[in-house]
Amino acid sequence: MNKNNNISKTNMQETTKINNKNTTNNQKRIDFLKNLKTLRMGLNGVNKNLNGYGYKYQDFNEIVREVKNVIKEHDLDIDFVQYPTTKSIDGNLVDVVTTTFYSPLSGYEHSFDTSTHIKELKSIGVKSQNTWPQLVGSAITYFKRYALVAYLSI
């Protein structure tokens, strides 16, 4: 190693420019977590205003609207996407909803999966093919709602 080059690979961090400032991956994570904390603190919660069969639940669209309003109100560098997909976990195919929170400026992201238990629905058996898409759609929406409510402590 050259005497003038005393930076080891373990001390180097990937750096990118954000708003003309050099930012390390660690700083991106810190900034993301600050935005996430502000988002969580700004959420008032969503009332359980929809009726199921003997229970009440939160409207998924109202949850998304509340989250987006807090992001806009506080001009937060954070957004999220959710989509249903199938993943291979320990060699088994599992239906999940993947939720990704990310920073539009830095590109930092945090993803997690929530099982939708579609296979368990199949094992129950469906009497009519017409109800299968509704059951799957309901399960996906339920677990998208569950993932947001749990992660954001709503």
Protein backbone atom coordinates (compact mmCIF):
# COMPACT_ATOMS: atom_id res chain seq x y z
CA MET A 1 0.00 0.00 0.00
CA ASN A 2 1.24 3.48 -0.89
CA LYS A 3 2.14 5.80 2.02
CA ASN A 4 -0.08 8.52 0.56
CA ASN A 5 -3.06 6.21 0.29
CA ASN A 6 -3.91 5.41 3.91
CA ILE A 7 -7.67 4.96 3.52
CA SER A 8 -8.63 1.34 4.02
CA LYS A 9 -11.67 -0.17 2.32
CA THR A 10 -13.38 -0.67 5.69
CA ASN A 11 -13.29 3.07 6.40
CA MET A 12 -14.79 4.06 3.08
CA GLN A 13 -18.53 4.68 2.79
CA GLU A 14 -20.49 5.14 -0.40
CA THR A 15 -21.21 8.83 -0.85
CA THR A 16 -23.75 10.50 -3.11
CA LYS A 17 -24.77 14.08 -3.73
CA ILE A 18 -28.20 15.19 -2.49
CA ASN A 19 -29.05 18.88 -2.87
CA ASN A 20 -25.35 19.51 -3.64
CA LYS A 21 -24.30 17.90 -0.32
CA ASN A 22 -22.24 14.73 -0.01
CA THR A 23 -24.30 12.17 1.88
CA THR A 24 -23.22 8.76 3.18
CA ASN A 25 -25.50 5.72 3.36
CA ASN A 26 -25.50 6.07 7.14
CA GLN A 27 -26.69 9.68 6.87
CA LYS A 28 -29.37 8.64 4.37
CA ARG A 29 -30.64 6.12 6.92
CA ILE A 30 -30.59 8.70 9.73
CA ASP A 31 -32.50 11.22 7.59
CA PHE A 32 -35.01 8.53 6.59
CA LEU A 33 -35.61 7.56 10.23
CA LYS A 34 -36.12 11.22 11.20
CA ASN A 35 -38.75 11.58 8.46
CA LEU A 36 -40.38 8.31 9.53
CA LYS A 37 -40.54 9.51 13.15
CA THR A 38 -42.14 12.81 12.08
CA LEU A 39 -44.65 10.86 9.99
CA ARG A 40 -45.55 8.55 12.88
CA MET A 41 -45.86 11.46 15.33
CA GLY A 42 -48.06 13.42 12.90
CA LEU A 43 -50.59 10.64 12.35
CA ASN A 44 -53.79 11.12 14.31
CA GLY A 45 -55.09 7.67 13.59
CA VAL A 46 -58.07 6.61 11.54
CA ASN A 47 -61.40 5.69 13.07
CA LYS A 48 -62.87 2.25 12.55
CA ASN A 49 -65.75 3.55 10.48
CA LEU A 50 -66.56 0.56 8.27
CA ASN A 51 -68.70 -2.38 9.36
CA GLY A 52 -67.81 -6.01 8.73
CA TYR A 53 -69.73 -9.04 9.93
CA GLY A 54 -70.01 -8.14 13.62
CA TYR A 55 -66.92 -5.90 13.75
CA LYS A 56 -65.68 -2.48 12.66
CA TYR A 57 -62.50 -1.74 10.73
CA GLN A 58 -60.46 1.13 9.33
CA ASP A 59 -60.95 2.16 5.71
CA PHE A 60 -57.70 1.44 3.80
CA ASN A 61 -58.20 4.50 1.57
CA GLU A 62 -58.63 6.72 4.65
CA ILE A 63 -55.38 5.36 6.10
CA VAL A 64 -53.50 6.11 2.87
CA ARG A 65 -55.08 9.58 2.68
CA GLU A 66 -54.06 10.35 6.28
CA VAL A 67 -50.46 9.18 5.65
CA LYS A 68 -50.18 11.20 2.41
CA ASN A 69 -51.62 14.31 4.13
CA VAL A 70 -49.03 14.15 6.93
CA ILE A 71 -46.23 13.67 4.38
CA LYS A 72 -47.44 16.73 2.46
CA GLU A 73 -48.15 18.84 5.57
CA HIS A 74 -44.63 18.31 6.97
CA ASP A 75 -42.93 18.30 3.53
CA LEU A 76 -41.35 14.95 4.41
CA ASP A 77 -38.80 13.19 2.22
CA ILE A 78 -40.65 9.89 2.46
CA ASP A 79 -43.19 7.92 0.45
CA PHE A 80 -44.32 4.31 0.17
CA VAL A 81 -45.58 1.67 -2.23
CA GLN A 82 -47.34 -1.63 -1.60
CA TYR A 83 -47.89 -4.51 -3.97
CA PRO A 84 -48.90 -8.17 -3.77
CA THR A 85 -46.31 -10.68 -4.98
CA THR A 86 -45.05 -14.21 -4.42
CA LYS A 87 -41.65 -14.82 -2.79
CA SER A 88 -39.57 -17.92 -2.26
CA ILE A 89 -38.89 -18.30 1.46
CA ASP A 90 -36.88 -21.36 2.52
CA GLY A 91 -37.80 -23.00 -0.80
CA ASN A 92 -41.55 -22.42 -0.32
CA LEU A 93 -43.61 -20.00 -2.40
CA VAL A 94 -45.39 -17.54 -0.13
CA ASP A 95 -47.94 -14.90 -1.16
CA VAL A 96 -47.06 -11.57 0.44
CA VAL A 97 -47.73 -7.86 0.32
CA THR A 98 -44.40 -6.06 0.01
CA THR A 99 -44.40 -2.61 1.60
CA THR A 100 -41.54 -0.27 0.77
CA PHE A 101 -40.99 3.08 2.45
CA TYR A 102 -38.41 5.17 0.61
CA SER A 103 -36.78 8.57 0.33
CA PRO A 104 -37.43 10.16 -3.08
CA LEU A 105 -34.32 12.37 -2.66
CA SER A 106 -31.70 9.90 -1.46
CA GLY A 107 -33.14 6.64 -2.75
CA TYR A 108 -32.82 5.05 0.70
CA GLU A 109 -35.51 2.43 1.21
CA HIS A 110 -36.83 -0.01 3.78
CA SER A 111 -39.02 -2.94 2.71
CA PHE A 112 -40.87 -5.65 4.58
CA ASP A 113 -43.22 -8.46 3.63
CA THR A 114 -46.56 -9.39 5.16
CA SER A 115 -48.00 -12.82 4.35
CA THR A 116 -51.48 -12.72 2.79
CA HIS A 117 -52.30 -16.35 3.67
CA ILE A 118 -53.86 -16.95 0.23
CA LYS A 119 -53.04 -20.70 0.43
CA GLU A 120 -55.01 -20.95 3.65
CA LEU A 121 -57.96 -19.33 1.87
CA LYS A 122 -57.74 -21.99 -0.84
CA SER A 123 -57.78 -24.76 1.76
CA ILE A 124 -61.07 -23.43 3.17
CA GLY A 125 -62.66 -24.05 -0.21
CA VAL A 126 -64.76 -21.67 -2.23
CA LYS A 127 -68.27 -22.66 -3.29
CA SER A 128 -68.37 -20.37 -6.31
CA GLN A 129 -65.58 -19.33 -8.66
CA ASN A 130 -67.14 -15.85 -8.69
CA THR A 131 -66.26 -15.32 -5.02
CA TRP A 132 -62.57 -16.35 -5.32
CA PRO A 133 -61.36 -12.99 -6.74
CA GLN A 134 -63.30 -11.13 -4.04
CA LEU A 135 -61.73 -13.28 -1.30
CA VAL A 136 -58.22 -12.76 -2.66
CA GLY A 137 -58.81 -9.02 -3.11
CA SER A 138 -60.17 -8.72 0.42
CA ALA A 139 -57.18 -10.60 1.84
CA ILE A 140 -54.70 -8.40 -0.05
CA THR A 141 -56.44 -5.20 1.09
CA TYR A 142 -56.64 -6.49 4.67
CA PHE A 143 -52.91 -7.21 4.84
CA LYS A 144 -51.97 -3.94 3.12
CA ARG A 145 -54.00 -2.14 5.80
CA TYR A 146 -52.53 -4.34 8.56
CA ALA A 147 -48.96 -3.64 7.38
CA LEU A 148 -49.44 0.14 7.38
CA VAL A 149 -51.27 0.25 10.71
CA ALA A 150 -48.65 -1.92 12.42
CA TYR A 151 -45.56 -0.25 10.91
CA LEU A 152 -46.79 3.30 11.48
CA SER A 153 -48.39 2.58 14.88
CA ILE A 154 -51.72 4.03 13.80
